Amino acid sequence: FMFAAVLGVCLRGGHSQCTDSSLRPTLSTLSPQTLPWEGGTLTLTGGNFGASSVSPPEVKIEGGICVNTTVHSDTRITCMPAATSVQSASVFLTAGGCTSVNSIPLSFTGFPWA
């Protein structure tokens, strides 16, 4: 079985207060696009990830937090999502107070109860 989630990044604390829409982050790729339900290492690429932001981004999948989040640049972030049991989730990328214009689906496989 494969279940889908939509992955994004949120700044700690929350809500978008974007005053300049040209600063909105975009997601281009997610690698890999399929992970085991137990998690793994994800690489997100795109733009305006807020590498120079005071508050570091926090990657979330349906409320679960990716640990060991590293902002490599304004266009690349890696993290390790926690184990999940959700079938699908909708998460967004927020950096510098701006919410992303898009999201990218992420599939999970290998559920022991499926």
N, C-alpha and C. Protein backbone atom coordinates (compact mmCIF):
# COMPACT_ATOMS: atom_id res chain seq x y z
N PHE A 1 0.83 -1.18 0.00
CA PHE A 1 0.00 0.00 0.00
C PHE A 1 0.87 1.24 0.00
N MET A 2 0.41 2.27 -0.69
CA MET A 2 1.08 3.56 -0.66
C MET A 2 0.09 4.60 -0.19
N PHE A 3 0.51 5.45 0.71
CA PHE A 3 -0.32 6.54 1.19
C PHE A 3 0.39 7.83 0.85
N ALA A 4 -0.36 8.88 0.61
CA ALA A 4 0.24 10.14 0.21
C ALA A 4 0.12 11.19 1.30
N ALA A 5 1.11 12.03 1.35
CA ALA A 5 1.08 13.20 2.22
C ALA A 5 1.55 14.37 1.38
N VAL A 6 1.20 15.55 1.77
CA VAL A 6 1.70 16.73 1.10
C VAL A 6 2.67 17.39 2.06
N LEU A 7 3.88 17.63 1.57
CA LEU A 7 4.95 18.10 2.42
C LEU A 7 5.20 19.57 2.22
N GLY A 8 5.52 20.27 3.28
CA GLY A 8 5.90 21.66 3.23
C GLY A 8 6.73 22.01 4.44
N VAL A 9 7.04 23.27 4.59
CA VAL A 9 7.87 23.71 5.68
C VAL A 9 7.16 24.85 6.39
N CYS A 10 7.19 24.89 7.70
CA CYS A 10 6.60 25.99 8.46
C CYS A 10 7.65 26.60 9.37
N LEU A 11 7.61 27.91 9.50
CA LEU A 11 8.47 28.55 10.49
C LEU A 11 7.88 28.31 11.87
N ARG A 12 8.73 28.23 12.88
CA ARG A 12 8.25 28.07 14.25
C ARG A 12 7.31 29.23 14.57
N GLY A 13 6.20 28.89 15.18
CA GLY A 13 5.30 29.92 15.61
C GLY A 13 4.25 30.27 14.60
N GLY A 14 4.39 29.79 13.39
CA GLY A 14 3.30 29.91 12.64
C GLY A 14 2.65 30.50 11.52
N HIS A 15 1.84 31.48 11.71
CA HIS A 15 0.95 31.95 10.67
C HIS A 15 1.67 32.88 9.70
N SER A 16 1.22 32.85 8.45
CA SER A 16 1.82 33.70 7.44
C SER A 16 1.41 35.15 7.64
N GLN A 17 2.39 36.02 7.59
CA GLN A 17 2.15 37.45 7.63
C GLN A 17 2.94 38.07 6.49
N CYS A 18 2.73 37.56 5.31
CA CYS A 18 3.50 37.96 4.14
C CYS A 18 3.05 39.34 3.65
N THR A 19 3.98 40.24 3.58
CA THR A 19 3.66 41.57 3.08
C THR A 19 4.19 41.78 1.66
N ASP A 20 5.02 40.89 1.16
CA ASP A 20 5.58 41.00 -0.19
C ASP A 20 5.44 39.65 -0.87
N SER A 21 4.48 39.52 -1.78
CA SER A 21 4.21 38.22 -2.41
C SER A 21 5.39 37.71 -3.23
N SER A 22 6.33 38.56 -3.62
CA SER A 22 7.49 38.09 -4.38
C SER A 22 8.44 37.28 -3.50
N LEU A 23 8.25 37.33 -2.17
CA LEU A 23 9.08 36.58 -1.24
C LEU A 23 8.51 35.21 -0.90
N ARG A 24 7.34 34.89 -1.45
CA ARG A 24 6.72 33.59 -1.14
C ARG A 24 7.61 32.45 -1.60
N PRO A 25 7.86 31.46 -0.73
CA PRO A 25 8.67 30.31 -1.10
C PRO A 25 7.96 29.43 -2.14
N THR A 26 8.74 28.72 -2.91
CA THR A 26 8.21 27.74 -3.86
C THR A 26 8.92 26.41 -3.64
N LEU A 27 8.20 25.33 -3.81
CA LEU A 27 8.78 23.99 -3.76
C LEU A 27 8.92 23.49 -5.19
N SER A 28 10.12 23.01 -5.54
CA SER A 28 10.36 22.48 -6.88
C SER A 28 10.42 20.97 -6.89
N THR A 29 11.25 20.40 -6.00
CA THR A 29 11.40 18.95 -5.96
C THR A 29 11.47 18.44 -4.53
N LEU A 30 11.17 17.17 -4.41
CA LEU A 30 11.26 16.45 -3.15
C LEU A 30 11.94 15.13 -3.46
N SER A 31 12.99 14.81 -2.71
CA SER A 31 13.71 13.58 -2.99
C SER A 31 14.02 12.87 -1.67
N PRO A 32 13.66 11.60 -1.55
CA PRO A 32 12.88 10.81 -2.50
C PRO A 32 11.40 11.20 -2.43
N GLN A 33 10.61 10.75 -3.37
CA GLN A 33 9.18 11.04 -3.36
C GLN A 33 8.39 9.98 -2.62
N THR A 34 9.06 8.88 -2.24
CA THR A 34 8.43 7.81 -1.47
C THR A 34 9.35 7.43 -0.32
N LEU A 35 8.78 7.33 0.87
CA LEU A 35 9.53 6.94 2.07
C LEU A 35 8.80 5.80 2.76
N PRO A 36 9.53 4.98 3.53
CA PRO A 36 8.84 4.02 4.39
C PRO A 36 8.10 4.79 5.48
N TRP A 37 7.07 4.19 6.03
CA TRP A 37 6.28 4.85 7.06
C TRP A 37 7.10 5.26 8.27
N GLU A 38 8.26 4.59 8.49
CA GLU A 38 9.11 4.91 9.63
C GLU A 38 9.89 6.20 9.44
N GLY A 39 9.92 6.75 8.24
CA GLY A 39 10.64 7.99 7.97
C GLY A 39 11.88 7.76 7.13
N GLY A 40 12.75 8.73 7.09
CA GLY A 40 13.97 8.70 6.28
C GLY A 40 14.46 10.12 6.10
N THR A 41 15.41 10.33 5.22
CA THR A 41 15.92 11.67 4.97
C THR A 41 15.30 12.25 3.72
N LEU A 42 14.77 13.46 3.83
CA LEU A 42 14.15 14.15 2.71
C LEU A 42 15.00 15.35 2.31
N THR A 43 15.04 15.62 1.02
CA THR A 43 15.67 16.83 0.51
C THR A 43 14.61 17.62 -0.24
N LEU A 44 14.40 18.85 0.15
CA LEU A 44 13.46 19.74 -0.52
C LEU A 44 14.26 20.79 -1.27
N THR A 45 13.89 21.06 -2.51
CA THR A 45 14.50 22.15 -3.26
C THR A 45 13.42 23.08 -3.74
N GLY A 46 13.81 24.32 -3.96
CA GLY A 46 12.87 25.33 -4.42
C GLY A 46 13.51 26.70 -4.30
N GLY A 47 12.76 27.66 -3.80
CA GLY A 47 13.30 29.01 -3.67
C GLY A 47 12.69 29.75 -2.51
N ASN A 48 13.39 30.75 -2.03
CA ASN A 48 12.95 31.61 -0.93
C ASN A 48 12.68 30.82 0.35
N PHE A 49 13.58 29.90 0.70
CA PHE A 49 13.40 29.08 1.90
C PHE A 49 13.78 29.82 3.18
N GLY A 50 14.20 31.05 3.08
CA GLY A 50 14.49 31.83 4.28
C GLY A 50 15.80 31.47 4.95
N ALA A 51 16.82 31.18 4.17
CA ALA A 51 18.12 30.81 4.75
C ALA A 51 18.68 31.91 5.63
N SER A 52 18.32 33.15 5.33
CA SER A 52 18.84 34.26 6.13
C SER A 52 17.86 34.70 7.22
N SER A 53 16.77 33.97 7.36
CA SER A 53 15.74 34.32 8.34
C SER A 53 16.23 34.09 9.76
N VAL A 54 15.75 34.90 10.69
CA VAL A 54 16.14 34.77 12.10
C VAL A 54 15.63 33.45 12.68
N SER A 55 14.39 33.07 12.36
CA SER A 55 13.82 31.82 12.85
C SER A 55 14.03 30.72 11.82
N PRO A 56 14.62 29.61 12.21
CA PRO A 56 14.85 28.53 11.24
C PRO A 56 13.53 27.87 10.83
N PRO A 57 13.43 27.42 9.58
CA PRO A 57 12.24 26.70 9.15
C PRO A 57 12.06 25.41 9.93
N GLU A 58 10.83 24.98 10.01
CA GLU A 58 10.48 23.72 10.65
C GLU A 58 9.64 22.93 9.66
N VAL A 59 10.08 21.76 9.29
CA VAL A 59 9.36 20.93 8.34
C VAL A 59 8.33 20.10 9.08
N LYS A 60 7.07 20.13 8.62
CA LYS A 60 6.00 19.38 9.27
C LYS A 60 5.23 18.55 8.25
N ILE A 61 4.83 17.35 8.67
CA ILE A 61 3.95 16.50 7.90
C ILE A 61 2.78 16.16 8.81
N GLU A 62 1.62 16.73 8.54
CA GLU A 62 0.41 16.53 9.36
C GLU A 62 0.72 16.68 10.84
N GLY A 63 1.41 17.77 11.17
CA GLY A 63 1.70 18.06 12.56
C GLY A 63 2.96 17.39 13.09
N GLY A 64 3.42 16.33 12.42
CA GLY A 64 4.67 15.69 12.82
C GLY A 64 5.84 16.54 12.37
N ILE A 65 6.88 16.56 13.16
CA ILE A 65 8.02 17.42 12.86
C ILE A 65 9.18 16.60 12.31
N CYS A 66 9.80 17.12 11.27
CA CYS A 66 11.05 16.55 10.78
C CYS A 66 12.15 16.98 11.74
N VAL A 67 12.92 16.03 12.23
CA VAL A 67 14.05 16.36 13.10
C VAL A 67 15.29 16.54 12.25
N ASN A 68 16.31 17.11 12.85
CA ASN A 68 17.57 17.35 12.15
C ASN A 68 17.38 18.15 10.87
N THR A 69 16.50 19.16 10.93
CA THR A 69 16.27 20.02 9.78
C THR A 69 17.49 20.90 9.58
N THR A 70 17.99 20.91 8.34
CA THR A 70 19.15 21.72 8.00
C THR A 70 18.83 22.57 6.79
N VAL A 71 18.98 23.87 6.93
CA VAL A 71 18.83 24.78 5.79
C VAL A 71 20.21 24.92 5.17
N HIS A 72 20.40 24.29 4.02
CA HIS A 72 21.69 24.33 3.34
C HIS A 72 21.87 25.63 2.57
N SER A 73 20.76 26.15 2.07
CA SER A 73 20.78 27.40 1.31
C SER A 73 19.35 27.91 1.20
N ASP A 74 19.17 28.98 0.48
CA ASP A 74 17.85 29.54 0.26
C ASP A 74 17.02 28.65 -0.67
N THR A 75 17.66 27.62 -1.24
CA THR A 75 16.97 26.74 -2.21
C THR A 75 16.99 25.27 -1.82
N ARG A 76 17.60 24.91 -0.67
CA ARG A 76 17.72 23.49 -0.31
C ARG A 76 17.65 23.29 1.20
N ILE A 77 16.77 22.34 1.61
CA ILE A 77 16.60 21.96 3.01
C ILE A 77 16.58 20.44 3.09
N THR A 78 17.18 19.88 4.13
CA THR A 78 17.05 18.45 4.40
C THR A 78 16.49 18.26 5.79
N CYS A 79 15.80 17.13 5.99
CA CYS A 79 15.26 16.80 7.31
C CYS A 79 14.95 15.31 7.38
N MET A 80 14.61 14.85 8.57
CA MET A 80 14.26 13.45 8.80
C MET A 80 12.88 13.40 9.44
N PRO A 81 11.83 13.06 8.67
CA PRO A 81 10.49 12.99 9.24
C PRO A 81 10.35 11.84 10.23
N ALA A 82 9.50 12.05 11.22
CA ALA A 82 9.20 11.01 12.19
C ALA A 82 8.29 9.96 11.56
N ALA A 83 8.18 8.82 12.21
CA ALA A 83 7.26 7.77 11.74
C ALA A 83 5.85 8.33 11.68
N THR A 84 5.07 7.83 10.74
CA THR A 84 3.72 8.34 10.55
C THR A 84 2.72 7.21 10.32
N SER A 85 1.48 7.49 10.63
CA SER A 85 0.42 6.53 10.32
C SER A 85 -0.68 7.21 9.50
N VAL A 86 -0.44 8.45 9.09
CA VAL A 86 -1.45 9.18 8.33
C VAL A 86 -1.52 8.68 6.89
N GLN A 87 -2.72 8.70 6.34
CA GLN A 87 -2.88 8.31 4.95
C GLN A 87 -2.58 9.48 4.02
N SER A 88 -2.92 10.68 4.43
CA SER A 88 -2.58 11.87 3.65
C SER A 88 -2.53 13.07 4.58
N ALA A 89 -1.80 14.06 4.17
CA ALA A 89 -1.67 15.26 4.98
C ALA A 89 -1.45 16.45 4.06
N SER A 90 -1.84 17.61 4.52
CA SER A 90 -1.62 18.83 3.77
C SER A 90 -0.79 19.77 4.62
N VAL A 91 0.42 20.07 4.15
CA VAL A 91 1.35 20.91 4.90
C VAL A 91 1.89 21.96 3.94
N PHE A 92 2.26 23.10 4.47
CA PHE A 92 2.72 24.20 3.63
C PHE A 92 4.10 24.67 4.03
N LEU A 93 4.76 25.38 3.15
CA LEU A 93 6.08 25.93 3.43
C LEU A 93 5.91 27.40 3.79
N THR A 94 6.44 27.79 4.95
CA THR A 94 6.41 29.19 5.35
C THR A 94 7.83 29.60 5.72
N ALA A 95 8.27 30.69 5.12
CA ALA A 95 9.59 31.22 5.43
C ALA A 95 9.51 32.73 5.39
N GLY A 96 10.07 33.37 6.37
CA GLY A 96 10.04 34.82 6.41
C GLY A 96 8.64 35.40 6.48
N GLY A 97 7.69 34.62 7.03
CA GLY A 97 6.32 35.08 7.15
C GLY A 97 5.47 34.85 5.92
N CYS A 98 6.04 34.25 4.87
CA CYS A 98 5.31 34.02 3.62
C CYS A 98 5.06 32.54 3.41
N THR A 99 3.84 32.20 3.05
CA THR A 99 3.46 30.81 2.80
C THR A 99 3.71 30.45 1.34
N SER A 100 4.16 29.24 1.10
CA SER A 100 4.50 28.80 -0.26
C SER A 100 3.31 28.85 -1.21
N VAL A 101 3.66 29.00 -2.48
CA VAL A 101 2.64 29.01 -3.53
C VAL A 101 2.20 27.61 -3.90
N ASN A 102 2.93 26.59 -3.48
CA ASN A 102 2.60 25.21 -3.84
C ASN A 102 3.04 24.23 -2.75
N SER A 103 2.68 22.98 -2.94
CA SER A 103 3.12 21.89 -2.07
C SER A 103 3.48 20.71 -2.97
N ILE A 104 4.14 19.73 -2.40
CA ILE A 104 4.55 18.55 -3.16
C ILE A 104 4.09 17.30 -2.41
N PRO A 105 3.46 16.34 -3.12
CA PRO A 105 3.02 15.12 -2.45
C PRO A 105 4.18 14.20 -2.10
N LEU A 106 4.04 13.51 -0.98
CA LEU A 106 5.02 12.53 -0.51
C LEU A 106 4.26 11.24 -0.21
N SER A 107 4.74 10.12 -0.72
CA SER A 107 4.11 8.83 -0.48
C SER A 107 4.85 8.05 0.60
N PHE A 108 4.09 7.27 1.36
CA PHE A 108 4.65 6.39 2.38
C PHE A 108 4.29 4.95 2.05
N THR A 109 5.22 4.02 2.26
CA THR A 109 4.97 2.60 1.97
C THR A 109 5.38 1.74 3.17
N GLY A 110 5.00 0.48 3.10
CA GLY A 110 5.48 -0.50 4.06
C GLY A 110 4.79 -0.51 5.41
N PHE A 111 3.58 -0.01 5.50
CA PHE A 111 2.87 -0.03 6.78
C PHE A 111 2.72 -1.48 7.23
N PRO A 112 3.14 -1.82 8.46
CA PRO A 112 3.07 -3.22 8.91
C PRO A 112 1.63 -3.71 9.12
N TRP A 113 0.70 -2.81 9.27
CA TRP A 113 -0.69 -3.19 9.52
C TRP A 113 -1.52 -3.21 8.24
N ALA A 114 -0.90 -2.89 7.09
CA ALA A 114 -1.65 -2.85 5.82
C ALA A 114 -1.79 -4.22 5.19
